[in-house]
Amino acid sequence: LAGVASGYLLASLLLADVAASLRGLYGAEVQGQLSLTPLWWASGLGLSVLGALLAGASSLWRAARLPLLALANAQAWH
């Protein structure tokens, strides 16, 4: 949540400068306001959860293959 919120804040702070650059370089007209739909919030949070699951997948896979009582033993992880 903090990452999505801080990204939105950063984008809103830089929007005027980016719009001016695009207008100056390419003649493009950019809206002066920023909108973030619930779908974008959900996709941002979903990607972070997916990344966390992928990062921890190998440890979870190793733990799933160990015998139940071996998880408490530090030597079982080696």
N, C-alpha and C. Protein backbone atom coordinates (compact mmCIF):
# COMPACT_ATOMS: atom_id res chain seq x y z
N LEU A 1 0.82 -1.19 0.00
CA LEU A 1 0.00 0.00 0.00
C LEU A 1 0.86 1.25 0.00
N ALA A 2 1.93 1.21 0.78
CA ALA A 2 2.81 2.38 0.86
C ALA A 2 3.48 2.64 -0.48
N GLY A 3 3.86 1.59 -1.19
CA GLY A 3 4.50 1.75 -2.49
C GLY A 3 3.56 2.34 -3.53
N VAL A 4 2.32 1.87 -3.55
CA VAL A 4 1.35 2.40 -4.51
C VAL A 4 1.03 3.85 -4.17
N ALA A 5 0.86 4.14 -2.89
CA ALA A 5 0.54 5.51 -2.47
C ALA A 5 1.70 6.46 -2.75
N SER A 6 2.93 6.03 -2.46
CA SER A 6 4.07 6.91 -2.72
C SER A 6 4.31 7.07 -4.22
N GLY A 7 4.05 6.03 -5.01
CA GLY A 7 4.15 6.17 -6.46
C GLY A 7 3.14 7.15 -7.01
N TYR A 8 1.93 7.12 -6.48
CA TYR A 8 0.90 8.07 -6.89
C TYR A 8 1.30 9.49 -6.51
N LEU A 9 1.84 9.66 -5.31
CA LEU A 9 2.27 10.98 -4.86
C LEU A 9 3.40 11.50 -5.74
N LEU A 10 4.37 10.66 -6.04
CA LEU A 10 5.49 11.07 -6.88
C LEU A 10 5.02 11.42 -8.29
N ALA A 11 4.12 10.62 -8.84
CA ALA A 11 3.59 10.91 -10.17
C ALA A 11 2.82 12.22 -10.20
N SER A 12 2.07 12.49 -9.13
CA SER A 12 1.32 13.75 -9.10
C SER A 12 2.26 14.95 -8.96
N LEU A 13 3.37 14.78 -8.27
CA LEU A 13 4.34 15.87 -8.15
C LEU A 13 5.08 16.13 -9.46
N LEU A 14 5.34 15.09 -10.24
CA LEU A 14 6.11 15.23 -11.48
C LEU A 14 5.24 15.46 -12.71
N LEU A 15 3.93 15.38 -12.57
CA LEU A 15 3.04 15.44 -13.72
C LEU A 15 3.20 16.73 -14.52
N ALA A 16 3.28 17.87 -13.86
CA ALA A 16 3.38 19.14 -14.57
C ALA A 16 4.66 19.22 -15.39
N ASP A 17 5.77 18.78 -14.83
CA ASP A 17 7.05 18.83 -15.55
C ASP A 17 7.08 17.86 -16.72
N VAL A 18 6.55 16.68 -16.53
CA VAL A 18 6.51 15.69 -17.61
C VAL A 18 5.60 16.17 -18.73
N ALA A 19 4.46 16.74 -18.37
CA ALA A 19 3.54 17.27 -19.38
C ALA A 19 4.19 18.39 -20.17
N ALA A 20 4.93 19.27 -19.49
CA ALA A 20 5.62 20.36 -20.19
C ALA A 20 6.69 19.81 -21.13
N SER A 21 7.41 18.79 -20.69
CA SER A 21 8.44 18.19 -21.54
C SER A 21 7.84 17.55 -22.78
N LEU A 22 6.75 16.79 -22.60
CA LEU A 22 6.11 16.15 -23.74
C LEU A 22 5.52 17.18 -24.70
N ARG A 23 4.98 18.26 -24.16
CA ARG A 23 4.43 19.31 -25.00
C ARG A 23 5.55 20.00 -25.79
N GLY A 24 6.67 20.26 -25.13
CA GLY A 24 7.79 20.92 -25.80
C GLY A 24 8.48 20.06 -26.83
N LEU A 25 8.64 18.78 -26.53
CA LEU A 25 9.37 17.89 -27.45
C LEU A 25 8.50 17.39 -28.61
N TYR A 26 7.28 17.00 -28.29
CA TYR A 26 6.45 16.33 -29.29
C TYR A 26 5.16 17.06 -29.62
N GLY A 27 4.86 18.12 -28.92
CA GLY A 27 3.61 18.82 -29.15
C GLY A 27 2.40 18.08 -28.61
N ALA A 28 2.61 17.14 -27.72
CA ALA A 28 1.52 16.33 -27.18
C ALA A 28 0.82 17.08 -26.05
N GLU A 29 -0.48 16.99 -26.03
CA GLU A 29 -1.25 17.58 -24.95
C GLU A 29 -1.57 16.50 -23.91
N VAL A 30 -1.16 16.73 -22.68
CA VAL A 30 -1.35 15.79 -21.59
C VAL A 30 -2.33 16.40 -20.60
N GLN A 31 -3.24 15.58 -20.09
CA GLN A 31 -4.19 16.07 -19.09
C GLN A 31 -3.45 16.61 -17.87
N GLY A 32 -4.01 17.60 -17.27
CA GLY A 32 -3.38 18.21 -16.10
C GLY A 32 -3.73 17.54 -14.79
N GLN A 33 -4.46 16.45 -14.83
CA GLN A 33 -4.81 15.77 -13.59
C GLN A 33 -4.47 14.29 -13.68
N LEU A 34 -4.34 13.69 -12.53
CA LEU A 34 -3.95 12.29 -12.44
C LEU A 34 -5.12 11.49 -11.88
N SER A 35 -5.42 10.37 -12.50
CA SER A 35 -6.50 9.53 -11.98
C SER A 35 -5.99 8.10 -11.83
N LEU A 36 -6.41 7.47 -10.77
CA LEU A 36 -5.99 6.10 -10.47
C LEU A 36 -7.23 5.30 -10.11
N THR A 37 -7.61 4.39 -10.99
CA THR A 37 -8.82 3.61 -10.79
C THR A 37 -8.57 2.47 -9.81
N PRO A 38 -9.61 1.92 -9.23
CA PRO A 38 -9.44 0.78 -8.31
C PRO A 38 -8.77 -0.43 -8.99
N LEU A 39 -8.96 -0.58 -10.29
CA LEU A 39 -8.29 -1.68 -11.00
C LEU A 39 -6.78 -1.52 -10.95
N TRP A 40 -6.29 -0.29 -11.09
CA TRP A 40 -4.85 -0.06 -11.02
C TRP A 40 -4.33 -0.27 -9.60
N TRP A 41 -5.09 0.14 -8.58
CA TRP A 41 -4.70 -0.14 -7.20
C TRP A 41 -4.59 -1.64 -6.98
N ALA A 42 -5.61 -2.37 -7.42
CA ALA A 42 -5.62 -3.82 -7.22
C ALA A 42 -4.49 -4.50 -7.97
N SER A 43 -4.21 -4.05 -9.19
CA SER A 43 -3.12 -4.68 -9.95
C SER A 43 -1.77 -4.38 -9.32
N GLY A 44 -1.57 -3.19 -8.79
CA GLY A 44 -0.32 -2.87 -8.11
C GLY A 44 -0.11 -3.72 -6.87
N LEU A 45 -1.17 -3.88 -6.09
CA LEU A 45 -1.07 -4.71 -4.90
C LEU A 45 -0.92 -6.19 -5.27
N GLY A 46 -1.61 -6.61 -6.32
CA GLY A 46 -1.50 -8.00 -6.77
C GLY A 46 -0.11 -8.34 -7.23
N LEU A 47 0.53 -7.43 -7.96
CA LEU A 47 1.90 -7.67 -8.42
C LEU A 47 2.87 -7.75 -7.25
N SER A 48 2.67 -6.94 -6.23
CA SER A 48 3.57 -7.02 -5.08
C SER A 48 3.39 -8.32 -4.31
N VAL A 49 2.15 -8.78 -4.17
CA VAL A 49 1.91 -10.06 -3.49
C VAL A 49 2.48 -11.21 -4.31
N LEU A 50 2.30 -11.16 -5.62
CA LEU A 50 2.86 -12.20 -6.49
C LEU A 50 4.38 -12.22 -6.40
N GLY A 51 5.00 -11.07 -6.39
CA GLY A 51 6.46 -10.99 -6.25
C GLY A 51 6.94 -11.56 -4.93
N ALA A 52 6.21 -11.27 -3.85
CA ALA A 52 6.59 -11.82 -2.54
C ALA A 52 6.44 -13.33 -2.52
N LEU A 53 5.38 -13.83 -3.14
CA LEU A 53 5.19 -15.29 -3.20
C LEU A 53 6.28 -15.96 -4.02
N LEU A 54 6.65 -15.36 -5.13
CA LEU A 54 7.72 -15.93 -5.95
C LEU A 54 9.06 -15.88 -5.23
N ALA A 55 9.30 -14.82 -4.48
CA ALA A 55 10.56 -14.70 -3.75
C ALA A 55 10.67 -15.76 -2.66
N GLY A 56 9.57 -16.10 -2.03
CA GLY A 56 9.60 -17.09 -0.96
C GLY A 56 9.25 -18.49 -1.39
N ALA A 57 9.03 -18.71 -2.68
CA ALA A 57 8.58 -20.01 -3.15
C ALA A 57 9.59 -21.13 -2.91
N SER A 58 10.87 -20.85 -3.08
CA SER A 58 11.86 -21.92 -2.90
C SER A 58 11.92 -22.37 -1.44
N SER A 59 11.84 -21.42 -0.50
CA SER A 59 11.84 -21.80 0.91
C SER A 59 10.58 -22.58 1.28
N LEU A 60 9.45 -22.15 0.75
CA LEU A 60 8.21 -22.88 1.00
C LEU A 60 8.26 -24.28 0.40
N TRP A 61 8.84 -24.41 -0.77
CA TRP A 61 8.95 -25.72 -1.42
C TRP A 61 9.85 -26.65 -0.61
N ARG A 62 10.97 -26.11 -0.12
CA ARG A 62 11.87 -26.92 0.72
C ARG A 62 11.18 -27.34 2.00
N ALA A 63 10.45 -26.42 2.62
CA ALA A 63 9.75 -26.74 3.87
C ALA A 63 8.66 -27.78 3.64
N ALA A 64 8.01 -27.74 2.49
CA ALA A 64 6.94 -28.70 2.20
C ALA A 64 7.50 -30.10 2.01
N ARG A 65 8.74 -30.21 1.57
CA ARG A 65 9.33 -31.53 1.32
C ARG A 65 9.98 -32.14 2.56
N LEU A 66 10.16 -31.35 3.64
CA LEU A 66 10.76 -31.88 4.86
C LEU A 66 9.71 -32.64 5.68
N PRO A 67 10.16 -33.60 6.47
CA PRO A 67 9.22 -34.23 7.40
C PRO A 67 8.70 -33.21 8.41
N LEU A 68 7.54 -33.43 8.94
CA LEU A 68 6.85 -32.45 9.78
C LEU A 68 7.67 -32.02 10.99
N LEU A 69 8.25 -32.95 11.71
CA LEU A 69 9.00 -32.60 12.91
C LEU A 69 10.41 -32.08 12.62
N ALA A 70 10.88 -32.22 11.40
CA ALA A 70 12.22 -31.76 11.06
C ALA A 70 12.28 -30.25 10.86
N LEU A 71 11.15 -29.60 10.71
CA LEU A 71 11.15 -28.15 10.49
C LEU A 71 11.73 -27.38 11.66
N ALA A 72 11.59 -27.88 12.87
CA ALA A 72 12.09 -27.19 14.06
C ALA A 72 13.60 -27.34 14.21
N ASN A 73 14.20 -28.30 13.55
CA ASN A 73 15.63 -28.56 13.66
C ASN A 73 16.39 -27.67 12.67
N ALA A 74 17.38 -26.93 13.17
CA ALA A 74 18.15 -26.04 12.29
C ALA A 74 18.96 -26.82 11.27
N GLN A 75 19.39 -28.03 11.61
CA GLN A 75 20.18 -28.84 10.67
C GLN A 75 19.37 -29.33 9.49
N ALA A 76 18.06 -29.36 9.62
CA ALA A 76 17.22 -29.85 8.53
C ALA A 76 17.27 -28.94 7.31
N TRP A 77 17.59 -27.66 7.54
CA TRP A 77 17.63 -26.71 6.42
C TRP A 77 18.93 -26.81 5.65
N HIS A 78 19.92 -27.45 6.21
CA HIS A 78 21.20 -27.59 5.51
C HIS A 78 21.13 -28.83 4.70
